């Protein structure tokens, strides 16, 4: 079975539930994917999932992400930008915890999710309703037609999407820059890996590596400005070249 990123051959790693996990044998990719794709989506999660972000440990994680995002913005725009002119989109915003903090800082923060229940929770938290949209990425909702964002944020999202190139094609159409936080395929530990949920095997379809992301950036017109491994995860920031002349005096 071919790699969904670079189309190279895959090698069997292990089986979890009904899913075979395969690893790309190309040295400049190394992604991991599953042999067949599940028929469930994140939309199957109940209200408890979306409200779990209000727990103290999750709030701590959200604040950590806020810090990372502020640093990412300073990389792709310059430290002198004014938050009030920066438009952000979080794809998979759930109940809006991250958007709440970003909005409080002064950013114009938009959110998109495939759970209408989650979006209602976000509205209760004070996110401007007109800046929340229902949609199943990589298909964008009509309410966001034609919009291009300074930064598109995806935290533990891309691993759920089997059609890699459709996801990245859409990203290239809506984003000047991106902030990605996802499982690191190089941290794989077999079927007991923290990113393989025994209750929902197969919910994560594709696991990326930094080289595989570089491959996709080259194909879809981005360059990586920073990347790092954080535990079992990757944090990658990328941008399109020369997209911020208004911030740079050009």
Protein backbone atom coordinates (compact mmCIF):
# COMPACT_ATOMS: atom_id res chain seq x y z
CA UNK A 1 0.00 0.00 0.00
CA UNK A 2 1.38 3.40 -1.01
CA UNK A 3 2.19 6.23 1.38
CA UNK A 4 -0.60 8.86 1.32
CA UNK A 5 2.06 11.61 1.36
CA UNK A 6 4.79 10.62 -1.11
CA UNK A 7 3.35 7.44 -2.72
CA UNK A 8 6.36 5.33 -1.72
CA UNK A 9 6.00 1.75 -0.52
CA UNK A 10 4.97 1.04 3.06
CA UNK A 11 6.14 -1.65 5.47
CA UNK A 12 3.88 -3.33 8.03
CA UNK A 13 4.59 -2.20 11.61
CA UNK A 14 1.83 -3.65 13.81
CA UNK A 15 -1.89 -4.27 14.06
CA UNK A 16 -4.25 -2.51 16.49
CA UNK A 17 -7.91 -3.52 16.44
CA UNK A 18 -8.86 -4.06 12.81
CA UNK A 19 -6.20 -1.69 11.50
CA UNK A 20 -2.77 -2.42 10.10
CA UNK A 21 -0.25 0.37 10.64
CA UNK A 22 2.33 0.87 7.89
CA UNK A 23 5.47 2.99 7.69
CA UNK A 24 6.78 4.73 4.58
CA UNK A 25 10.17 3.34 3.53
CA UNK A 26 11.33 6.55 1.88
CA UNK A 27 14.08 8.13 4.00
CA UNK A 28 12.80 11.65 3.27
CA UNK A 29 9.28 10.84 4.46
CA UNK A 30 8.86 8.10 7.10
CA UNK A 31 5.16 8.76 7.69
CA UNK A 32 2.88 6.15 9.27
CA UNK A 33 -0.68 5.44 8.16
CA UNK A 34 -3.43 2.86 8.58
CA UNK A 35 -4.46 0.32 5.98
CA UNK A 36 -8.15 1.25 5.93
CA UNK A 37 -10.01 4.25 7.18
CA UNK A 38 -12.65 4.25 9.92
CA UNK A 39 -16.28 5.21 9.35
CA UNK A 40 -16.44 7.43 12.44
CA UNK A 41 -15.37 11.05 12.79
CA UNK A 42 -14.62 13.50 15.56
CA UNK A 43 -18.26 14.46 15.30
CA UNK A 44 -19.05 11.26 17.18
CA UNK A 45 -17.58 12.69 20.38
CA UNK A 46 -20.09 13.69 23.01
CA UNK A 47 -20.45 16.89 25.05
CA UNK A 48 -18.12 15.57 27.75
CA UNK A 49 -15.28 15.52 25.21
CA UNK A 50 -15.77 19.18 24.30
CA UNK A 51 -16.17 20.33 27.91
CA UNK A 52 -13.13 18.33 29.08
CA UNK A 53 -10.98 21.27 27.98
CA UNK A 54 -12.24 23.17 31.04
CA UNK A 55 -10.36 20.83 33.37
CA UNK A 56 -7.31 22.39 35.09
CA UNK A 57 -4.78 20.21 33.26
CA UNK A 58 -6.35 21.09 29.91
CA UNK A 59 -6.41 24.80 30.70
CA UNK A 60 -2.70 24.53 31.48
CA UNK A 61 -2.15 22.89 28.09
CA UNK A 62 -4.21 25.60 26.35
CA UNK A 63 -2.07 28.33 27.94
CA UNK A 64 1.04 26.50 26.79
CA UNK A 65 -0.32 26.50 23.24
CA UNK A 66 -1.09 30.23 23.49
CA UNK A 67 2.58 30.86 24.29
CA UNK A 68 3.71 28.75 21.35
CA UNK A 69 1.29 30.56 19.01
CA UNK A 70 2.46 34.01 20.09
CA UNK A 71 6.03 32.94 19.35
CA UNK A 72 4.95 31.53 15.99
CA UNK A 73 3.34 34.83 15.04
CA UNK A 74 6.53 36.69 15.90
CA UNK A 75 8.38 34.35 13.52
CA UNK A 76 6.09 34.76 10.51
CA UNK A 77 5.00 38.40 10.89
CA UNK A 78 7.65 40.12 13.08
CA UNK A 79 7.45 41.01 16.78
CA UNK A 80 6.16 44.53 16.06
CA UNK A 81 2.76 43.49 14.68
CA UNK A 82 -0.46 44.68 16.31
CA UNK A 83 -2.70 41.77 17.38
CA UNK A 84 -5.83 43.70 16.35
CA UNK A 85 -4.97 43.40 12.65
CA UNK A 86 -4.10 39.69 12.76
CA UNK A 87 -6.79 37.21 11.72
CA UNK A 88 -6.45 33.65 13.02
CA UNK A 89 -8.46 30.54 12.24
CA UNK A 90 -8.46 27.48 14.46
CA UNK A 91 -9.66 24.45 12.52
CA UNK A 92 -11.12 22.02 15.03
CA UNK A 93 -11.76 24.65 17.68
CA UNK A 94 -14.00 22.39 19.81
CA UNK A 95 -15.53 24.39 22.69
CA UNK A 96 -13.44 27.48 22.02
CA UNK A 97 -10.95 27.45 24.90
CA UNK A 98 -7.98 28.48 22.78
CA UNK A 99 -10.05 31.04 20.87
CA UNK A 100 -11.12 32.62 24.15
CA UNK A 101 -7.52 33.37 25.13
CA UNK A 102 -6.52 34.52 21.65
CA UNK A 103 -9.54 36.82 21.46
CA UNK A 104 -8.71 38.25 24.90
CA UNK A 105 -5.18 39.12 23.71
CA UNK A 106 -6.70 41.11 20.86
CA UNK A 107 -6.47 38.82 17.85
CA UNK A 108 -9.45 38.47 15.53
CA UNK A 109 -9.95 34.78 16.23
CA UNK A 110 -12.15 32.60 14.04
CA UNK A 111 -13.12 29.01 14.72
CA UNK A 112 -14.38 26.05 12.70
CA UNK A 113 -15.56 22.68 13.96
CA UNK A 114 -17.63 19.72 12.80
CA UNK A 115 -19.58 19.63 16.06
CA UNK A 116 -22.48 22.06 16.30
CA UNK A 117 -22.64 21.28 20.02
CA UNK A 118 -19.02 22.37 20.43
CA UNK A 119 -19.69 25.63 18.60
CA UNK A 120 -22.59 26.39 20.96
CA UNK A 121 -20.22 25.91 23.91
CA UNK A 122 -17.80 28.34 22.26
CA UNK A 123 -20.55 30.94 21.89
CA UNK A 124 -21.37 30.67 25.59
CA UNK A 125 -17.70 31.39 26.33
CA UNK A 126 -17.98 34.67 24.46
CA UNK A 127 -16.61 33.86 21.02
CA UNK A 128 -18.29 36.14 18.48
CA UNK A 129 -20.95 33.93 16.79
CA UNK A 130 -20.22 35.37 13.33
CA UNK A 131 -16.66 34.14 13.70
CA UNK A 132 -17.68 30.52 14.33
CA UNK A 133 -18.48 28.15 11.46
CA UNK A 134 -19.66 24.58 11.13
CA UNK A 135 -17.61 22.60 8.65
CA UNK A 136 -15.84 19.32 7.98
CA UNK A 137 -12.27 20.08 6.94
CA UNK A 138 -10.84 19.99 4.28
CA UNK A 139 -14.13 21.25 2.85
CA UNK A 140 -14.55 24.86 3.92
CA UNK A 141 -17.94 26.31 4.93
CA UNK A 142 -19.58 28.89 2.69
CA UNK A 143 -19.35 31.44 5.52
CA UNK A 144 -15.56 31.42 5.04
CA UNK A 145 -15.55 31.50 1.23
CA UNK A 146 -12.66 33.56 -0.06
CA UNK A 147 -11.13 34.30 3.34
CA UNK A 148 -7.38 34.05 3.77
CA UNK A 149 -6.01 34.00 7.31
CA UNK A 150 -2.72 35.30 8.67
CA UNK A 151 -2.34 32.08 10.66
CA UNK A 152 -4.29 28.82 10.47
CA UNK A 153 -4.03 26.75 13.65
CA UNK A 154 -4.47 22.97 13.67
CA UNK A 155 -3.86 21.22 16.98
CA UNK A 156 -4.22 17.42 16.84
CA UNK A 157 -6.29 17.68 13.68
CA UNK A 158 -4.37 16.59 10.59
CA UNK A 159 -3.81 13.07 11.89
CA UNK A 160 -7.60 12.53 11.63
CA UNK A 161 -7.74 13.31 7.90
CA UNK A 162 -6.97 10.42 5.51
CA UNK A 163 -6.85 12.55 2.34
CA UNK A 164 -3.53 14.25 3.01
CA UNK A 165 -3.27 16.19 -0.24
CA UNK A 166 -6.81 17.51 -0.04
CA UNK A 167 -6.06 18.77 3.47
CA UNK A 168 -2.85 20.51 2.39
CA UNK A 169 -4.39 21.91 -0.81
CA UNK A 170 -7.08 23.61 1.27
CA UNK A 171 -4.47 24.84 3.74
CA UNK A 172 -2.54 26.45 0.89
CA UNK A 173 -5.72 28.24 -0.22
CA UNK A 174 -6.73 29.69 3.16
CA UNK A 175 -3.45 30.30 5.01
CA UNK A 176 -0.62 32.79 4.75
CA UNK A 177 1.04 30.85 7.57
CA UNK A 178 0.28 27.76 9.62
CA UNK A 179 0.76 26.40 13.13
CA UNK A 180 0.59 22.60 13.35
CA UNK A 181 0.73 20.49 16.49
CA UNK A 182 0.41 16.75 15.93
CA UNK A 183 1.71 13.29 16.84
CA UNK A 184 5.29 12.58 15.79
CA UNK A 185 5.57 9.38 13.74
CA UNK A 186 9.18 9.00 14.87
CA UNK A 187 7.95 8.60 18.46
CA UNK A 188 5.82 5.57 17.55
CA UNK A 189 5.82 2.84 20.23
CA UNK A 190 3.68 0.10 18.71
CA UNK A 191 0.04 -0.53 19.52
CA UNK A 192 0.51 0.78 23.09
CA UNK A 193 1.51 4.23 21.81
CA UNK A 194 -0.33 7.07 23.54
CA UNK A 195 -1.70 8.28 20.17
CA UNK A 196 -3.50 5.00 19.51
CA UNK A 197 -6.76 4.99 21.43
CA UNK A 198 -7.79 1.39 22.25
CA UNK A 199 -11.43 2.54 22.53
CA UNK A 200 -11.35 4.16 19.09
CA UNK A 201 -8.66 2.39 17.03
CA UNK A 202 -8.11 4.00 13.69
CA UNK A 203 -9.27 7.49 14.71
CA UNK A 204 -5.77 8.73 13.84
CA UNK A 205 -5.21 7.90 10.17
CA UNK A 206 -1.87 9.53 9.29
CA UNK A 207 1.18 10.28 11.43
CA UNK A 208 3.65 12.84 10.10
CA UNK A 209 7.40 13.36 10.42
CA UNK A 210 9.31 16.61 9.90
CA UNK A 211 10.69 15.38 6.52
CA UNK A 212 7.18 14.43 5.36
CA UNK A 213 5.91 17.91 6.28
CA UNK A 214 8.84 19.45 4.41
CA UNK A 215 7.85 17.42 1.35
CA UNK A 216 4.29 18.78 1.54
CA UNK A 217 5.47 22.35 2.16
CA UNK A 218 7.59 22.19 -0.99
CA UNK A 219 4.60 20.91 -2.97
CA UNK A 220 2.08 23.45 -1.64
CA UNK A 221 4.16 26.60 -1.51
CA UNK A 222 5.16 26.90 2.14
CA UNK A 223 8.49 27.07 3.89
CA UNK A 224 9.09 25.86 7.46
CA UNK A 225 10.19 28.64 9.80
CA UNK A 226 10.56 26.45 12.88
CA UNK A 227 9.94 22.89 14.00
CA UNK A 228 10.56 20.94 17.16
CA UNK A 229 9.75 17.65 18.82
CA UNK A 230 7.84 17.95 22.10
CA UNK A 231 7.47 14.58 23.78
CA UNK A 232 5.49 12.39 21.37
CA UNK A 233 4.39 15.39 19.33
CA UNK A 234 5.60 17.76 16.61
CA UNK A 235 5.20 21.53 16.53
CA UNK A 236 5.72 22.99 13.06
CA UNK A 237 5.33 26.60 11.93
CA UNK A 238 5.36 27.48 8.25
CA UNK A 239 4.67 30.43 6.00
CA UNK A 240 4.49 31.47 2.36
CA UNK A 241 7.34 33.63 1.16
CA UNK A 242 6.81 37.40 0.88
CA UNK A 243 3.22 37.36 2.11
CA UNK A 244 3.63 40.12 4.71
CA UNK A 245 5.07 43.17 2.87
CA UNK A 246 2.71 45.45 4.80
CA UNK A 247 4.49 44.47 8.04
CA UNK A 248 7.97 44.77 6.58
CA UNK A 249 7.81 48.12 4.85
CA UNK A 250 7.90 46.49 1.41
